[in-house]
Amino acid sequence: MAMSKEVVRLFEQRKQNQILENLKNKLEKHNKELNKFASIVSHDLKSPLANIISLTELLEEENDGRLNGIF
């Protein structure tokens, strides 16, 4: 009787381990997708900001201090 209970417990534990392993795999997949998304968003935000900074610096150089009184 004790042996059968132990066998049942081991099977239940194995099933739980498989469930946990599946959940871990899903979480890892979602984490990779989230990292990829964050990387794309970061790049997409940096590119326009770099252009704005460059144009602002160019305007500042071309106007040689004439913009200081405006802001």
PDB file of N, CA and C in Angstrom:
ATOM      1  N   MET A   1       0.818  -1.200   0.000  1.00  0.00           N
ATOM      2  CA  MET A   1       0.000   0.000   0.000  1.00  0.00           C
ATOM      3  C   MET A   1       0.866   1.270   0.000  1.00  0.00           C
ATOM      4  N   ALA A   2       1.882   1.294   0.824  1.00  0.00           N
ATOM      5  CA  ALA A   2       2.754   2.459   0.902  1.00  0.00           C
ATOM      6  C   ALA A   2       3.492   2.663  -0.409  1.00  0.00           C
ATOM      7  N   MET A   3       3.857   1.557  -1.052  1.00  0.00           N
ATOM      8  CA  MET A   3       4.586   1.650  -2.315  1.00  0.00           C
ATOM      9  C   MET A   3       3.699   2.260  -3.399  1.00  0.00           C
ATOM     10  N   SER A   4       2.429   1.885  -3.428  1.00  0.00           N
ATOM     11  CA  SER A   4       1.522   2.435  -4.444  1.00  0.00           C
ATOM     12  C   SER A   4       1.292   3.925  -4.214  1.00  0.00           C
ATOM     13  N   LYS A   5       1.214   4.356  -2.963  1.00  0.00           N
ATOM     14  CA  LYS A   5       1.056   5.781  -2.665  1.00  0.00           C
ATOM     15  C   LYS A   5       2.293   6.561  -3.103  1.00  0.00           C
ATOM     16  N   GLU A   6       3.453   5.973  -2.903  1.00  0.00           N
ATOM     17  CA  GLU A   6       4.694   6.624  -3.306  1.00  0.00           C
ATOM     18  C   GLU A   6       4.772   6.749  -4.827  1.00  0.00           C
ATOM     19  N   VAL A   7       4.337   5.692  -5.528  1.00  0.00           N
ATOM     20  CA  VAL A   7       4.338   5.720  -6.992  1.00  0.00           C
ATOM     21  C   VAL A   7       3.384   6.806  -7.498  1.00  0.00           C
ATOM     22  N   VAL A   8       2.192   6.876  -6.906  1.00  0.00           N
ATOM     23  CA  VAL A   8       1.214   7.903  -7.290  1.00  0.00           C
ATOM     24  C   VAL A   8       1.782   9.287  -7.014  1.00  0.00           C
ATOM     25  N   ARG A   9       2.416   9.477  -5.868  1.00  0.00           N
ATOM     26  CA  ARG A   9       3.004  10.769  -5.521  1.00  0.00           C
ATOM     27  C   ARG A   9       4.088  11.150  -6.518  1.00  0.00           C
ATOM     28  N   LEU A  10       4.898  10.195  -6.921  1.00  0.00           N
ATOM     29  CA  LEU A  10       5.962  10.471  -7.885  1.00  0.00           C
ATOM     30  C   LEU A  10       5.398  10.848  -9.250  1.00  0.00           C
ATOM     31  N   PHE A  11       4.336  10.150  -9.666  1.00  0.00           N
ATOM     32  CA  PHE A  11       3.693  10.503 -10.939  1.00  0.00           C
ATOM     33  C   PHE A  11       3.089  11.902 -10.882  1.00  0.00           C
ATOM     34  N   GLU A  12       2.449  12.243  -9.759  1.00  0.00           N
ATOM     35  CA  GLU A  12       1.876  13.578  -9.612  1.00  0.00           C
ATOM     36  C   GLU A  12       2.971  14.646  -9.614  1.00  0.00           C
ATOM     37  N   GLN A  13       4.071  14.351  -8.960  1.00  0.00           N
ATOM     38  CA  GLN A  13       5.187  15.281  -8.936  1.00  0.00           C
ATOM     39  C   GLN A  13       5.777  15.458 -10.337  1.00  0.00           C
ATOM     40  N   ARG A  14       5.868  14.369 -11.067  1.00  0.00           N
ATOM     41  CA  ARG A  14       6.383  14.448 -12.441  1.00  0.00           C
ATOM     42  C   ARG A  14       5.471  15.297 -13.313  1.00  0.00           C
ATOM     43  N   LYS A  15       4.150  15.114 -13.136  1.00  0.00           N
ATOM     44  CA  LYS A  15       3.192  15.908 -13.909  1.00  0.00           C
ATOM     45  C   LYS A  15       3.337  17.394 -13.574  1.00  0.00           C
ATOM     46  N   GLN A  16       3.465  17.725 -12.290  1.00  0.00           N
ATOM     47  CA  GLN A  16       3.647  19.111 -11.877  1.00  0.00           C
ATOM     48  C   GLN A  16       4.941  19.693 -12.443  1.00  0.00           C
ATOM     49  N   ASN A  17       5.996  18.893 -12.453  1.00  0.00           N
ATOM     50  CA  ASN A  17       7.259  19.350 -13.024  1.00  0.00           C
ATOM     51  C   ASN A  17       7.134  19.646 -14.512  1.00  0.00           C
ATOM     52  N   GLN A  18       6.373  18.836 -15.218  1.00  0.00           N
ATOM     53  CA  GLN A  18       6.154  19.070 -16.651  1.00  0.00           C
ATOM     54  C   GLN A  18       5.357  20.356 -16.868  1.00  0.00           C
ATOM     55  N   ILE A  19       4.359  20.576 -16.030  1.00  0.00           N
ATOM     56  CA  ILE A  19       3.566  21.810 -16.125  1.00  0.00           C
ATOM     57  C   ILE A  19       4.455  23.024 -15.881  1.00  0.00           C
ATOM     58  N   LEU A  20       5.279  22.940 -14.834  1.00  0.00           N
ATOM     59  CA  LEU A  20       6.188  24.046 -14.529  1.00  0.00           C
ATOM     60  C   LEU A  20       7.197  24.280 -15.648  1.00  0.00           C
ATOM     61  N   GLU A  21       7.686  23.213 -16.232  1.00  0.00           N
ATOM     62  CA  GLU A  21       8.638  23.343 -17.339  1.00  0.00           C
ATOM     63  C   GLU A  21       7.983  24.011 -18.539  1.00  0.00           C
ATOM     64  N   ASN A  22       6.736  23.649 -18.830  1.00  0.00           N
ATOM     65  CA  ASN A  22       6.007  24.287 -19.934  1.00  0.00           C
ATOM     66  C   ASN A  22       5.795  25.773 -19.668  1.00  0.00           C
ATOM     67  N   LEU A  23       5.429  26.102 -18.437  1.00  0.00           N
ATOM     68  CA  LEU A  23       5.240  27.508 -18.079  1.00  0.00           C
ATOM     69  C   LEU A  23       6.556  28.281 -18.180  1.00  0.00           C
ATOM     70  N   LYS A  24       7.634  27.671 -17.743  1.00  0.00           N
ATOM     71  CA  LYS A  24       8.951  28.311 -17.831  1.00  0.00           C
ATOM     72  C   LYS A  24       9.303  28.590 -19.288  1.00  0.00           C
ATOM     73  N   ASN A  25       9.050  27.622 -20.162  1.00  0.00           N
ATOM     74  CA  ASN A  25       9.350  27.809 -21.586  1.00  0.00           C
ATOM     75  C   ASN A  25       8.515  28.940 -22.187  1.00  0.00           C
ATOM     76  N   LYS A  26       7.230  28.995 -21.808  1.00  0.00           N
ATOM     77  CA  LYS A  26       6.369  30.071 -22.308  1.00  0.00           C
ATOM     78  C   LYS A  26       6.868  31.432 -21.828  1.00  0.00           C
ATOM     79  N   LEU A  27       7.253  31.506 -20.546  1.00  0.00           N
ATOM     80  CA  LEU A  27       7.753  32.769 -20.008  1.00  0.00           C
ATOM     81  C   LEU A  27       9.044  33.198 -20.689  1.00  0.00           C
ATOM     82  N   GLU A  28       9.925  32.256 -20.951  1.00  0.00           N
ATOM     83  CA  GLU A  28      11.164  32.586 -21.652  1.00  0.00           C
ATOM     84  C   GLU A  28      10.890  33.099 -23.057  1.00  0.00           C
ATOM     85  N   LYS A  29       9.927  32.480 -23.731  1.00  0.00           N
ATOM     86  CA  LYS A  29       9.554  32.918 -25.087  1.00  0.00           C
ATOM     87  C   LYS A  29       8.983  34.334 -25.046  1.00  0.00           C
ATOM     88  N   HIS A  30       8.081  34.586 -24.092  1.00  0.00           N
ATOM     89  CA  HIS A  30       7.484  35.923 -23.976  1.00  0.00           C
ATOM     90  C   HIS A  30       8.546  36.958 -23.601  1.00  0.00           C
ATOM     91  N   ASN A  31       9.490  36.575 -22.760  1.00  0.00           N
ATOM     92  CA  ASN A  31      10.557  37.485 -22.377  1.00  0.00           C
ATOM     93  C   ASN A  31      11.414  37.863 -23.583  1.00  0.00           C
ATOM     94  N   LYS A  32      11.725  36.888 -24.438  1.00  0.00           N
ATOM     95  CA  LYS A  32      12.496  37.175 -25.653  1.00  0.00           C
ATOM     96  C   LYS A  32      11.722  38.122 -26.568  1.00  0.00           C
ATOM     97  N   GLU A  33      10.414  37.877 -26.704  1.00  0.00           N
ATOM     98  CA  GLU A  33       9.585  38.749 -27.545  1.00  0.00           C
ATOM     99  C   GLU A  33       9.533  40.168 -26.973  1.00  0.00           C
ATOM    100  N   LEU A  34       9.433  40.268 -25.656  1.00  0.00           N
ATOM    101  CA  LEU A  34       9.390  41.579 -25.017  1.00  0.00           C
ATOM    102  C   LEU A  34      10.713  42.310 -25.193  1.00  0.00           C
ATOM    103  N   ASN A  35      11.822  41.610 -25.055  1.00  0.00           N
ATOM    104  CA  ASN A  35      13.129  42.231 -25.265  1.00  0.00           C
ATOM    105  C   ASN A  35      13.292  42.716 -26.697  1.00  0.00           C
ATOM    106  N   LYS A  36      12.811  41.921 -27.654  1.00  0.00           N
ATOM    107  CA  LYS A  36      12.888  42.318 -29.058  1.00  0.00           C
ATOM    108  C   LYS A  36      12.038  43.569 -29.301  1.00  0.00           C
ATOM    109  N   PHE A  37      10.840  43.583 -28.742  1.00  0.00           N
ATOM    110  CA  PHE A  37       9.953  44.738 -28.873  1.00  0.00           C
ATOM    111  C   PHE A  37      10.593  45.988 -28.271  1.00  0.00           C
ATOM    112  N   ALA A  38      11.164  45.848 -27.064  1.00  0.00           N
ATOM    113  CA  ALA A  38      11.799  46.984 -26.401  1.00  0.00           C
ATOM    114  C   ALA A  38      12.973  47.513 -27.213  1.00  0.00           C
ATOM    115  N   SER A  39      13.710  46.606 -27.825  1.00  0.00           N
ATOM    116  CA  SER A  39      14.850  47.013 -28.653  1.00  0.00           C
ATOM    117  C   SER A  39      14.380  47.807 -29.869  1.00  0.00           C
ATOM    118  N   ILE A  40      13.327  47.345 -30.497  1.00  0.00           N
ATOM    119  CA  ILE A  40      12.784  48.033 -31.674  1.00  0.00           C
ATOM    120  C   ILE A  40      12.251  49.413 -31.292  1.00  0.00           C
ATOM    121  N   VAL A  41      11.499  49.479 -30.192  1.00  0.00           N
ATOM    122  CA  VAL A  41      10.939  50.759 -29.750  1.00  0.00           C
ATOM    123  C   VAL A  41      12.060  51.728 -29.397  1.00  0.00           C
ATOM    124  N   SER A  42      13.058  51.232 -28.705  1.00  0.00           N
ATOM    125  CA  SER A  42      14.190  52.070 -28.332  1.00  0.00           C
ATOM    126  C   SER A  42      14.869  52.649 -29.571  1.00  0.00           C
ATOM    127  N   HIS A  43      15.111  51.805 -30.550  1.00  0.00           N
ATOM    128  CA  HIS A  43      15.745  52.270 -31.793  1.00  0.00           C
ATOM    129  C   HIS A  43      14.863  53.282 -32.502  1.00  0.00           C
ATOM    130  N   ASP A  44      13.561  52.985 -32.578  1.00  0.00           N
ATOM    131  CA  ASP A  44      12.646  53.878 -33.283  1.00  0.00           C
ATOM    132  C   ASP A  44      12.532  55.240 -32.600  1.00  0.00           C
ATOM    133  N   LEU A  45      12.742  55.284 -31.289  1.00  0.00           N
ATOM    134  CA  LEU A  45      12.695  56.565 -30.594  1.00  0.00           C
ATOM    135  C   LEU A  45      14.020  57.321 -30.703  1.00  0.00           C
ATOM    136  N   LYS A  46      15.110  56.588 -30.690  1.00  0.00           N
ATOM    137  CA  LYS A  46      16.427  57.236 -30.747  1.00  0.00           C
ATOM    138  C   LYS A  46      16.682  57.904 -32.088  1.00  0.00           C
ATOM    139  N   SER A  47      16.260  57.296 -33.153  1.00  0.00           N
ATOM    140  CA  SER A  47      16.542  57.821 -34.483  1.00  0.00           C
ATOM    141  C   SER A  47      15.958  59.213 -34.694  1.00  0.00           C
ATOM    142  N   PRO A  48      14.672  59.442 -34.440  1.00  0.00           N
ATOM    143  CA  PRO A  48      14.145  60.806 -34.624  1.00  0.00           C
ATOM    144  C   PRO A  48      14.773  61.806 -33.651  1.00  0.00           C
ATOM    145  N   LEU A  49      15.050  61.370 -32.428  1.00  0.00           N
ATOM    146  CA  LEU A  49      15.660  62.281 -31.460  1.00  0.00           C
ATOM    147  C   LEU A  49      17.055  62.702 -31.910  1.00  0.00           C
ATOM    148  N   ALA A  50      17.792  61.771 -32.473  1.00  0.00           N
ATOM    149  CA  ALA A  50      19.127  62.111 -32.981  1.00  0.00           C
ATOM    150  C   ALA A  50      19.019  63.141 -34.110  1.00  0.00           C
ATOM    151  N   ASN A  51      18.023  62.980 -34.969  1.00  0.00           N
ATOM    152  CA  ASN A  51      17.815  63.952 -36.058  1.00  0.00           C
ATOM    153  C   ASN A  51      17.453  65.324 -35.505  1.00  0.00           C
ATOM    154  N   ILE A  52      16.602  65.364 -34.501  1.00  0.00           N
ATOM    155  CA  ILE A  52      16.189  66.637 -33.900  1.00  0.00           C
ATOM    156  C   ILE A  52      17.394  67.327 -33.264  1.00  0.00           C
ATOM    157  N   ILE A  53      18.198  66.546 -32.537  1.00  0.00           N
ATOM    158  CA  ILE A  53      19.397  67.119 -31.904  1.00  0.00           C
ATOM    159  C   ILE A  53      20.346  67.677 -32.963  1.00  0.00           C
ATOM    160  N   SER A  54      20.553  66.923 -34.021  1.00  0.00           N
ATOM    161  CA  SER A  54      21.458  67.378 -35.085  1.00  0.00           C
ATOM    162  C   SER A  54      20.960  68.659 -35.735  1.00  0.00           C
ATOM    163  N   LEU A  55      19.673  68.696 -36.037  1.00  0.00           N
ATOM    164  CA  LEU A  55      19.113  69.900 -36.659  1.00  0.00           C
ATOM    165  C   LEU A  55      19.158  71.090 -35.708  1.00  0.00           C
ATOM    166  N   THR A  56      18.912  70.851 -34.435  1.00  0.00           N
ATOM    167  CA  THR A  56      18.975  71.927 -33.450  1.00  0.00           C
ATOM    168  C   THR A  56      20.380  72.482 -33.346  1.00  0.00           C
ATOM    169  N   GLU A  57      21.367  71.611 -33.316  1.00  0.00           N
ATOM    170  CA  GLU A  57      22.766  72.055 -33.257  1.00  0.00           C
ATOM    171  C   GLU A  57      23.140  72.835 -34.515  1.00  0.00           C
ATOM    172  N   LEU A  58      22.663  72.374 -35.666  1.00  0.00           N
ATOM    173  CA  LEU A  58      22.929  73.074 -36.917  1.00  0.00           C
ATOM    174  C   LEU A  58      22.316  74.472 -36.909  1.00  0.00           C
ATOM    175  N   LEU A  59      21.055  74.564 -36.453  1.00  0.00           N
ATOM    176  CA  LEU A  59      20.408  75.879 -36.370  1.00  0.00           C
ATOM    177  C   LEU A  59      21.146  76.798 -35.414  1.00  0.00           C
ATOM    178  N   GLU A  60      21.595  76.252 -34.310  1.00  0.00           N
ATOM    179  CA  GLU A  60      22.323  77.060 -33.334  1.00  0.00           C
ATOM    180  C   GLU A  60      23.634  77.588 -33.918  1.00  0.00           C
ATOM    181  N   GLU A  61      24.347  76.713 -34.635  1.00  0.00           N
ATOM    182  CA  GLU A  61      25.604  77.128 -35.260  1.00  0.00           C
ATOM    183  C   GLU A  61      25.370  78.180 -36.340  1.00  0.00           C
ATOM    184  N   GLU A  62      24.339  77.989 -37.149  1.00  0.00           N
ATOM    185  CA  GLU A  62      24.072  78.911 -38.256  1.00  0.00           C
ATOM    186  C   GLU A  62      23.615  80.281 -37.766  1.00  0.00           C
ATOM    187  N   ASN A  63      22.933  80.298 -36.632  1.00  0.00           N
ATOM    188  CA  ASN A  63      22.398  81.564 -36.131  1.00  0.00           C
ATOM    189  C   ASN A  63      23.295  82.210 -35.092  1.00  0.00           C
ATOM    190  N   ASP A  64      24.378  81.611 -34.765  1.00  0.00           N
ATOM    191  CA  ASP A  64      25.459  82.172 -33.936  1.00  0.00           C
ATOM    192  C   ASP A  64      24.962  83.046 -32.780  1.00  0.00           C
ATOM    193  N   GLY A  65      24.164  82.468 -31.917  1.00  0.00           N
ATOM    194  CA  GLY A  65      23.739  83.177 -30.710  1.00  0.00           C
ATOM    195  C   GLY A  65      22.516  84.036 -30.880  1.00  0.00           C
ATOM    196  N   ARG A  66      21.969  84.180 -32.053  1.00  0.00           N
ATOM    197  CA  ARG A  66      20.781  85.030 -32.250  1.00  0.00           C
ATOM    198  C   ARG A  66      19.525  84.406 -31.686  1.00  0.00           C
ATOM    199  N   LEU A  67      19.553  83.113 -31.359  1.00  0.00           N
ATOM    200  CA  LEU A  67      18.377  82.428 -30.841  1.00  0.00           C
ATOM    201  C   LEU A  67      18.298  82.495 -29.313  1.00  0.00           C
ATOM    202  N   ASN A  68      19.352  82.956 -28.648  1.00  0.00           N
ATOM    203  CA  ASN A  68      19.384  82.953 -27.189  1.00  0.00           C
ATOM    204  C   ASN A  68      18.276  83.809 -26.570  1.00  0.00           C
ATOM    205  N   GLY A  69      17.963  84.930 -27.132  1.00  0.00           N
ATOM    206  CA  GLY A  69      16.965  85.820 -26.571  1.00  0.00           C
ATOM    207  C   GLY A  69      15.538  85.337 -26.776  1.00  0.00           C
ATOM    208  N   ILE A  70      15.335  84.426 -27.670  1.00  0.00           N
ATOM    209  CA  ILE A  70      13.981  83.959 -27.977  1.00  0.00           C
ATOM    210  C   ILE A  70      13.462  83.035 -26.887  1.00  0.00           C
ATOM    211  N   PHE A  71      14.310  82.200 -26.335  1.00  0.00           N
ATOM    212  CA  PHE A  71      13.843  81.184 -25.383  1.00  0.00           C
ATOM    213  C   PHE A  71      14.141  81.584 -23.992  1.00  0.00           C
TER     214      PHE A  71
END
